[in-house]
Amino acid sequence: MYRLLKAIVRLLLPLLMRIEVIGKENFPEKGPYILVVNHLSVFDAVVLLAVCPHTIRAFAAAKHRRNPLYAPLLAAAGSIWVRRGEVDRQALRGALEVLRRGEVLGLAPEGTRARGTYALQRGKTGAAYLATRADALILPVGLTGTEKVKECLPRLRRAHVRVVVGKPFRLPESGRVRGHKLHEYTDLIMYRIAALLPPEYRGVYSQIPEQLSSASEQESA
């Protein structure tokens, strides 16, 4: 079912947007890994489905289970239902199982879509928690342009969507990491994403550490 959905998306997306992918060679050969990305619109997921060479198991808000349009699509994609605004231990166990099976877990550490300026918000600790518990590789991805698809459609224009895939990395430690360390590692993940984005999208992570900033310039050139 996922392959069919992927084929349909790849067929239809060029009608809605022009997708530019930078750093496609940075995708690992296989899972497990955690794909982390900034969140701009409902089109983020379909863009990643089209460009990622692997099956992505992503978190989806539990409220969409009753949506007649979203629910079947999210179920077909093998999404992990998560209750936002609380620690959903069942969803976390499901995510860890995805990684144990050698698959790809996709999530937006912000937890919700950026609105207004579409700049990065403070990241939540879920990605860092899962990465340290599973000792998983992390693949940062920066998206721009998906927030413009809806406004371009009535004008019969295709939005320019840019996908920048960064180099995969691991956090400095693994295991039962808690407290301030999880927040520290969350910021590290978010800075990796921010380094792949134009300055106006970086939000609270605009002051990128120099070593990450210089590396991102080479990746996005």
Protein backbone atom coordinates (compact mmCIF):
# COMPACT_ATOMS: atom_id res chain seq x y z
CA MET A 1 0.00 0.00 0.00
CA TYR A 2 2.85 2.38 0.84
CA ARG A 3 4.47 1.76 -2.54
CA LEU A 4 1.21 2.50 -4.32
CA LEU A 5 0.76 5.69 -2.31
CA LYS A 6 4.33 6.71 -3.11
CA ALA A 7 3.81 6.10 -6.83
CA ILE A 8 0.63 8.20 -6.86
CA VAL A 9 2.31 11.03 -4.97
CA ARG A 10 5.30 11.05 -7.32
CA LEU A 11 2.91 11.24 -10.25
CA LEU A 12 0.78 14.08 -8.90
CA LEU A 13 3.27 16.28 -7.06
CA PRO A 14 4.91 17.77 -10.19
CA LEU A 15 1.50 19.24 -11.04
CA LEU A 16 1.44 21.15 -7.75
CA MET A 17 5.05 22.11 -7.13
CA ARG A 18 8.60 22.21 -8.47
CA ILE A 19 10.75 20.21 -6.08
CA GLU A 20 14.48 20.86 -5.78
CA VAL A 21 16.42 18.30 -3.75
CA ILE A 22 19.89 19.11 -2.46
CA GLY A 23 22.08 16.57 -0.68
CA LYS A 24 20.18 13.47 -1.80
CA GLU A 25 23.45 11.55 -1.50
CA ASN A 26 23.23 12.05 2.29
CA PHE A 27 20.36 9.58 2.65
CA PRO A 28 21.78 6.49 4.41
CA GLU A 29 21.80 3.30 2.38
CA LYS A 30 19.27 1.77 4.76
CA GLY A 31 17.60 2.20 8.13
CA PRO A 32 17.33 2.46 10.97
CA TYR A 33 17.52 6.22 11.28
CA ILE A 34 15.41 9.15 12.45
CA LEU A 35 14.54 11.75 9.82
CA VAL A 36 14.01 15.11 11.55
CA VAL A 37 12.54 18.07 9.69
CA ASN A 38 10.99 21.50 10.20
CA HIS A 39 7.22 21.58 9.83
CA LEU A 40 5.57 24.16 7.54
CA SER A 41 2.40 22.64 6.08
CA VAL A 42 0.39 19.50 5.41
CA PHE A 43 2.41 19.09 2.22
CA ASP A 44 5.64 18.37 4.12
CA ALA A 45 4.81 14.70 4.56
CA VAL A 46 3.96 14.06 0.91
CA VAL A 47 7.12 15.81 -0.26
CA LEU A 48 9.24 13.62 2.01
CA LEU A 49 7.33 10.54 0.91
CA ALA A 50 8.24 11.38 -2.69
CA VAL A 51 11.93 12.17 -2.20
CA CYS A 52 13.01 9.73 0.52
CA PRO A 53 14.22 6.38 -0.91
CA HIS A 54 12.97 4.51 2.17
CA THR A 55 9.60 3.89 3.80
CA ILE A 56 9.03 6.52 6.49
CA ARG A 57 6.95 5.74 9.56
CA ALA A 58 5.91 9.14 10.89
CA PHE A 59 3.99 10.47 13.86
CA ALA A 60 0.46 11.68 13.10
CA ALA A 61 -1.85 13.59 15.45
CA ALA A 62 -4.48 11.28 16.95
CA LYS A 63 -7.18 13.87 16.15
CA HIS A 64 -6.83 12.97 12.45
CA ARG A 65 -8.06 9.41 13.07
CA ARG A 66 -11.62 10.72 12.63
CA ASN A 67 -10.85 12.73 9.50
CA PRO A 68 -12.37 10.94 6.47
CA LEU A 69 -9.69 12.34 4.16
CA TYR A 70 -6.52 12.17 6.28
CA ALA A 71 -7.18 9.00 8.28
CA PRO A 72 -7.06 6.46 5.40
CA LEU A 73 -3.96 8.09 3.90
CA LEU A 74 -2.11 8.22 7.22
CA ALA A 75 -3.08 4.64 8.00
CA ALA A 76 -1.88 3.50 4.57
CA ALA A 77 1.44 5.21 5.25
CA GLY A 78 1.85 3.26 8.49
CA SER A 79 1.73 6.36 10.68
CA ILE A 80 2.13 6.23 14.45
CA TRP A 81 -0.81 7.92 16.15
CA VAL A 82 0.24 10.28 18.91
CA ARG A 83 -1.74 12.34 21.42
CA ARG A 84 -0.29 15.83 21.36
CA GLY A 85 0.21 17.87 24.50
CA GLU A 86 1.05 14.87 26.68
CA VAL A 87 3.63 12.12 27.02
CA ASP A 88 2.16 9.36 24.87
CA ARG A 89 4.10 6.30 26.00
CA GLN A 90 2.32 3.99 23.58
CA ALA A 91 3.44 6.20 20.67
CA LEU A 92 7.00 6.24 22.00
CA ARG A 93 7.04 2.44 22.25
CA GLY A 94 5.74 2.25 18.69
CA ALA A 95 8.50 4.59 17.50
CA LEU A 96 11.21 2.58 19.24
CA GLU A 97 9.83 -0.59 17.66
CA VAL A 98 10.09 1.03 14.21
CA LEU A 99 13.79 1.67 14.85
CA ARG A 100 14.37 -1.82 16.26
CA ARG A 101 12.95 -3.24 13.04
CA GLY A 102 15.55 -1.29 11.09
CA GLU A 103 13.05 1.14 9.58
CA VAL A 104 12.97 4.92 9.23
CA LEU A 105 11.15 7.10 11.75
CA GLY A 106 10.11 10.56 10.61
CA LEU A 107 9.22 13.39 12.95
CA ALA A 108 9.20 17.17 13.33
CA PRO A 109 10.77 18.00 16.70
CA GLU A 110 8.73 21.23 16.94
CA GLY A 111 5.65 19.05 17.44
CA THR A 112 3.35 21.30 15.41
CA ARG A 113 3.35 23.40 12.28
CA ALA A 114 5.14 26.73 12.32
CA ARG A 115 2.73 29.55 11.54
CA GLY A 116 3.00 33.22 10.66
CA THR A 117 6.68 33.67 9.89
CA TYR A 118 7.14 29.89 9.41
CA ALA A 119 10.32 30.12 11.48
CA LEU A 120 11.57 27.36 13.77
CA GLN A 121 9.98 27.09 17.18
CA ARG A 122 11.58 25.59 20.27
CA GLY A 123 12.01 21.85 19.73
CA LYS A 124 10.48 19.24 22.01
CA THR A 125 12.62 16.46 23.48
CA GLY A 126 10.96 13.49 21.76
CA ALA A 127 13.52 13.16 18.96
CA ALA A 128 16.46 13.34 21.37
CA TYR A 129 14.80 10.84 23.71
CA LEU A 130 14.23 8.31 20.91
CA ALA A 131 17.68 8.83 19.37
CA THR A 132 19.46 8.24 22.68
CA ARG A 133 17.30 5.28 23.71
CA ALA A 134 17.78 3.54 20.35
CA ASP A 135 21.31 4.84 19.68
CA ALA A 136 19.89 5.84 16.30
CA LEU A 137 21.41 7.77 13.43
CA ILE A 138 19.73 11.14 12.81
CA LEU A 139 19.17 12.64 9.37
CA PRO A 140 18.34 16.38 9.38
CA VAL A 141 16.22 17.82 6.56
CA GLY A 142 15.33 21.46 5.89
CA LEU A 143 12.17 22.29 3.94
CA THR A 144 11.13 25.59 2.36
CA GLY A 145 8.26 26.42 0.03
CA THR A 146 5.62 23.89 1.12
CA GLU A 147 3.81 26.68 2.97
CA LYS A 148 3.26 28.46 -0.36
CA VAL A 149 1.53 25.60 -2.20
CA LYS A 150 -2.01 26.58 -1.14
CA GLU A 151 -1.63 30.21 -2.16
CA CYS A 152 -0.09 29.26 -5.52
CA LEU A 153 -2.81 26.78 -6.52
CA PRO A 154 -5.63 29.33 -7.15
CA ARG A 155 -3.21 31.25 -9.39
CA LEU A 156 -2.40 28.09 -11.35
CA ARG A 157 1.21 28.41 -10.33
CA ARG A 158 3.52 25.73 -8.98
CA ALA A 159 5.30 26.54 -5.73
CA HIS A 160 9.07 26.12 -5.61
CA VAL A 161 9.80 23.62 -2.85
CA ARG A 162 13.37 23.14 -1.68
CA VAL A 163 14.49 20.05 0.24
CA VAL A 164 17.98 20.16 1.75
CA VAL A 165 19.21 16.86 3.18
CA GLY A 166 22.02 17.25 5.70
CA LYS A 167 24.67 14.79 6.74
CA PRO A 168 23.54 12.07 9.18
CA PHE A 169 24.92 12.20 12.71
CA ARG A 170 24.62 10.64 16.14
CA LEU A 171 24.16 12.34 19.49
CA PRO A 172 27.16 12.34 21.86
CA GLU A 173 25.73 9.60 24.07
CA SER A 174 23.01 6.97 24.18
CA GLY A 175 21.01 5.13 26.80
CA ARG A 176 18.74 6.53 29.49
CA VAL A 177 19.48 10.22 29.02
CA ARG A 178 17.26 12.60 31.00
CA GLY A 179 16.83 16.18 32.18
CA HIS A 180 18.97 19.02 30.88
CA LYS A 181 20.93 16.64 28.64
CA LEU A 182 17.80 15.88 26.61
CA HIS A 183 17.19 19.60 26.16
CA GLU A 184 20.82 20.11 25.18
CA TYR A 185 20.61 17.34 22.57
CA THR A 186 17.27 18.68 21.34
CA ASP A 187 18.93 22.03 20.65
CA LEU A 188 21.73 20.21 18.84
CA ILE A 189 19.19 18.50 16.58
CA MET A 190 17.35 21.76 15.95
CA TYR A 191 20.55 23.63 15.08
CA ARG A 192 21.33 20.90 12.55
CA ILE A 193 17.96 21.55 10.91
CA ALA A 194 18.35 25.34 11.15
CA ALA A 195 21.72 25.15 9.41
CA LEU A 196 19.93 23.78 6.33
CA LEU A 197 17.42 26.64 6.19
CA PRO A 198 17.58 30.26 4.98
CA PRO A 199 18.02 32.76 7.86
CA GLU A 200 14.36 33.85 7.85
CA TYR A 201 13.25 30.27 8.63
CA ARG A 202 15.61 29.67 11.56
CA GLY A 203 13.56 31.40 14.26
CA VAL A 204 14.80 30.76 17.80
CA TYR A 205 17.76 28.83 16.36
CA SER A 206 19.14 31.72 14.33
CA GLN A 207 22.48 31.78 16.17
CA ILE A 208 23.90 28.62 14.63
CA PRO A 209 27.24 27.38 16.06
CA GLU A 210 30.03 28.23 13.64
CA GLN A 211 31.03 24.63 12.89
CA LEU A 212 27.48 23.71 11.88
CA SER A 213 26.99 26.87 9.85
CA SER A 214 30.12 26.34 7.74
CA ALA A 215 29.22 22.69 7.13
CA SER A 216 25.72 23.62 5.96
CA GLU A 217 27.04 26.14 3.46
CA GLN A 218 28.96 23.35 1.74
CA GLU A 219 25.91 21.03 1.74
CA SER A 220 23.45 23.59 0.35
CA ALA A 221 25.79 25.17 -2.22
